[in-house]
C-alpha atoms as a PDB file:
ATOM      1  CA  MET A   1      18.756  18.701  -1.833  1.00  0.00           C
ATOM      2  CA  SER A   2      20.175  17.305   1.263  1.00  0.00           C
ATOM      3  CA  LEU A   3      19.328  18.057   4.842  1.00  0.00           C
ATOM      4  CA  PRO A   4      21.788  18.035   7.633  1.00  0.00           C
ATOM      5  CA  LEU A   5      21.779  15.093  10.057  1.00  0.00           C
ATOM      6  CA  THR A   6      20.605  17.251  12.970  1.00  0.00           C
ATOM      7  CA  PRO A   7      17.288  17.438  14.978  1.00  0.00           C
ATOM      8  CA  LEU A   8      16.384  20.489  12.804  1.00  0.00           C
ATOM      9  CA  GLY A   9      17.103  18.531   9.621  1.00  0.00           C
ATOM     10  CA  ALA A  10      14.902  15.631  10.877  1.00  0.00           C
ATOM     11  CA  PHE A  11      12.166  18.049  11.761  1.00  0.00           C
ATOM     12  CA  LEU A  12      12.293  19.696   8.313  1.00  0.00           C
ATOM     13  CA  ALA A  13      12.248  16.343   6.576  1.00  0.00           C
ATOM     14  CA  ILE A  14       9.138  15.187   8.582  1.00  0.00           C
ATOM     15  CA  LEU A  15       7.474  18.576   7.960  1.00  0.00           C
ATOM     16  CA  SER A  16       8.096  18.504   4.185  1.00  0.00           C
ATOM     17  CA  MET A  17       6.872  14.933   4.007  1.00  0.00           C
ATOM     18  CA  ALA A  18       3.770  15.856   5.895  1.00  0.00           C
ATOM     19  CA  LEU A  19       3.219  18.798   3.733  1.00  0.00           C
ATOM     20  CA  VAL A  20       3.562  16.734   0.532  1.00  0.00           C
ATOM     21  CA  THR A  21       1.175  14.091   1.862  1.00  0.00           C
ATOM     22  CA  TYR A  22      -1.444  16.769   2.799  1.00  0.00           C
ATOM     23  CA  LEU A  23      -1.162  18.371  -0.663  1.00  0.00           C
ATOM     24  CA  THR A  24      -1.468  15.123  -2.421  1.00  0.00           C
ATOM     25  CA  ARG A  25      -4.545  14.081  -0.426  1.00  0.00           C
ATOM     26  CA  SER A  26      -6.245  17.427  -0.576  1.00  0.00           C
ATOM     27  CA  GLY A  27      -5.445  17.938  -4.209  1.00  0.00           C
ATOM     28  CA  GLY A  28      -7.170  14.505  -4.963  1.00  0.00           C
ATOM     29  CA  VAL A  29     -10.211  15.553  -3.076  1.00  0.00           C
ATOM     30  CA  LEU A  30     -10.218  18.940  -4.845  1.00  0.00           C
ATOM     31  CA  VAL A  31      -9.936  17.357  -8.281  1.00  0.00           C
ATOM     32  CA  MET A  32     -12.523  14.671  -7.644  1.00  0.00           C
ATOM     33  CA  SER A  33     -14.965  17.081  -6.230  1.00  0.00           C
ATOM     34  CA  ARG A  34     -15.142  18.732  -9.712  1.00  0.00           C
ATOM     35  CA  ILE A  35     -15.479  15.479 -11.657  1.00  0.00           C
ATOM     36  CA  PRO A  36     -18.927  13.962 -11.861  1.00  0.00           C
ATOM     37  CA  ILE A  37     -18.648  10.313 -10.805  1.00  0.00           C
ATOM     38  CA  GLY A  38     -20.444   8.351 -13.552  1.00  0.00           C
ATOM     39  CA  PRO A  39     -20.080   4.649 -14.485  1.00  0.00           C
ATOM     40  CA  ARG A  40     -17.001   5.303 -16.593  1.00  0.00           C
ATOM     41  CA  VAL A  41     -15.075   7.196 -13.840  1.00  0.00           C
ATOM     42  CA  GLU A  42     -16.113   4.607 -11.265  1.00  0.00           C
ATOM     43  CA  ARG A  43     -14.764   1.737 -13.560  1.00  0.00           C
ATOM     44  CA  PHE A  44     -11.557   3.753 -13.909  1.00  0.00           C
ATOM     45  CA  ILE A  45     -11.159   4.160 -10.124  1.00  0.00           C
ATOM     46  CA  ASN A  46     -11.862   0.541  -9.467  1.00  0.00           C
ATOM     47  CA  ALA A  47      -9.334  -0.546 -12.102  1.00  0.00           C
ATOM     48  CA  MET A  48      -6.728   1.841 -10.768  1.00  0.00           C
ATOM     49  CA  ALA A  49      -7.009   0.362  -7.316  1.00  0.00           C
ATOM     50  CA  GLY A  50      -6.399  -3.207  -8.721  1.00  0.00           C
ATOM     51  CA  SER A  51      -3.424  -2.057 -10.770  1.00  0.00           C
ATOM     52  CA  VAL A  52      -1.787  -0.323  -7.745  1.00  0.00           C
ATOM     53  CA  LEU A  53      -2.217  -3.556  -5.751  1.00  0.00           C
ATOM     54  CA  VAL A  54      -0.596  -5.568  -8.534  1.00  0.00           C
ATOM     55  CA  ALA A  55       2.284  -3.027  -8.830  1.00  0.00           C
ATOM     56  CA  VAL A  56       2.924  -3.434  -5.083  1.00  0.00           C
ATOM     57  CA  ILE A  57       2.688  -7.239  -4.938  1.00  0.00           C
ATOM     58  CA  THR A  58       4.491  -8.281  -8.083  1.00  0.00           C
ATOM     59  CA  PRO A  59       8.004  -7.155  -7.126  1.00  0.00           C
ATOM     60  CA  MET A  60       7.540  -8.751  -3.769  1.00  0.00           C
ATOM     61  CA  ALA A  61       6.528 -12.060  -5.333  1.00  0.00           C
ATOM     62  CA  LEU A  62       9.325 -11.956  -7.876  1.00  0.00           C
ATOM     63  CA  TYR A  63      12.212 -10.644  -5.840  1.00  0.00           C
ATOM     64  CA  GLY A  64      11.167 -11.281  -2.229  1.00  0.00           C
ATOM     65  CA  ASP A  65      12.394 -14.025  -0.084  1.00  0.00           C
ATOM     66  CA  TRP A  66      10.495 -17.215   0.730  1.00  0.00           C
ATOM     67  CA  GLY A  67       8.880 -15.576   3.738  1.00  0.00           C
ATOM     68  CA  ALA A  68       7.290 -12.883   1.461  1.00  0.00           C
ATOM     69  CA  ARG A  69       6.271 -15.512  -1.055  1.00  0.00           C
ATOM     70  CA  LEU A  70       4.591 -17.738   1.561  1.00  0.00           C
ATOM     71  CA  ALA A  71       2.946 -14.772   3.134  1.00  0.00           C
ATOM     72  CA  LEU A  72       1.450 -13.844  -0.291  1.00  0.00           C
ATOM     73  CA  ALA A  73       0.206 -17.361  -0.767  1.00  0.00           C
ATOM     74  CA  ALA A  74      -1.266 -17.489   2.792  1.00  0.00           C
ATOM     75  CA  THR A  75      -2.980 -14.050   2.314  1.00  0.00           C
ATOM     76  CA  PHE A  76      -4.365 -15.186  -1.040  1.00  0.00           C
ATOM     77  CA  GLY A  77      -5.669 -18.522   0.266  1.00  0.00           C
ATOM     78  CA  VAL A  78      -7.292 -17.028   3.388  1.00  0.00           C
ATOM     79  CA  MET A  79      -8.880 -14.259   1.354  1.00  0.00           C
ATOM     80  CA  LEU A  80     -10.319 -16.713  -1.155  1.00  0.00           C
ATOM     81  CA  ALA A  81     -11.653 -18.890   1.640  1.00  0.00           C
ATOM     82  CA  SER A  82     -13.034 -16.283   4.050  1.00  0.00           C
ATOM     83  CA  ARG A  83     -13.424 -13.089   2.071  1.00  0.00           C
ATOM     84  CA  LYS A  84     -12.266 -11.228   5.153  1.00  0.00           C
ATOM     85  CA  PRO A  85      -9.362  -8.928   4.411  1.00  0.00           C
ATOM     86  CA  LEU A  86      -8.194  -8.396   8.022  1.00  0.00           C
ATOM     87  CA  LEU A  87      -8.055 -12.120   8.654  1.00  0.00           C
ATOM     88  CA  ALA A  88      -6.082 -12.569   5.386  1.00  0.00           C
ATOM     89  CA  ILE A  89      -3.652  -9.823   6.289  1.00  0.00           C
ATOM     90  CA  GLY A  90      -3.174 -11.364   9.799  1.00  0.00           C
ATOM     91  CA  ALA A  91      -2.470 -14.801   8.152  1.00  0.00           C
ATOM     92  CA  GLY A  92       0.082 -13.232   5.884  1.00  0.00           C
ATOM     93  CA  ILE A  93       1.821 -11.444   8.709  1.00  0.00           C
ATOM     94  CA  ALA A  94       1.868 -14.539  10.818  1.00  0.00           C
ATOM     95  CA  THR A  95       3.187 -16.652   7.975  1.00  0.00           C
ATOM     96  CA  ALA A  96       5.989 -14.188   7.233  1.00  0.00           C
ATOM     97  CA  ALA A  97       6.890 -13.907  10.920  1.00  0.00           C
ATOM     98  CA  GLY A  98       6.811 -17.739  11.373  1.00  0.00           C
ATOM     99  CA  TRP A  99       8.995 -18.252   8.399  1.00  0.00           C
ATOM    100  CA  ARG A 100      11.577 -15.715   9.524  1.00  0.00           C
ATOM    101  CA  LEU A 101      11.530 -17.192  13.017  1.00  0.00           C
ATOM    102  CA  ILE A 102      12.656 -20.492  11.736  1.00  0.00           C
END
């Protein structure tokens, strides 16, 4: 399927993406409201969060430029030292921006 490059096509693309996002999120809530969250389900959810994080970071570490790699290292180091995610994210962004500025 292709949409025409017109304002109506852009609107339809945005509307369809919003609908898919809404259905995905509401579907997850609907499914999880029917599943009792015991220790086994909780372990699964925690493991899935980590695996998604690794799936996002690994290609960036392997195929990204040095700015991306240094940003990952800075984020990792600050997170280990401070245990504050927002500070670690800020350090990663600042490192990538600084590297690309050079």
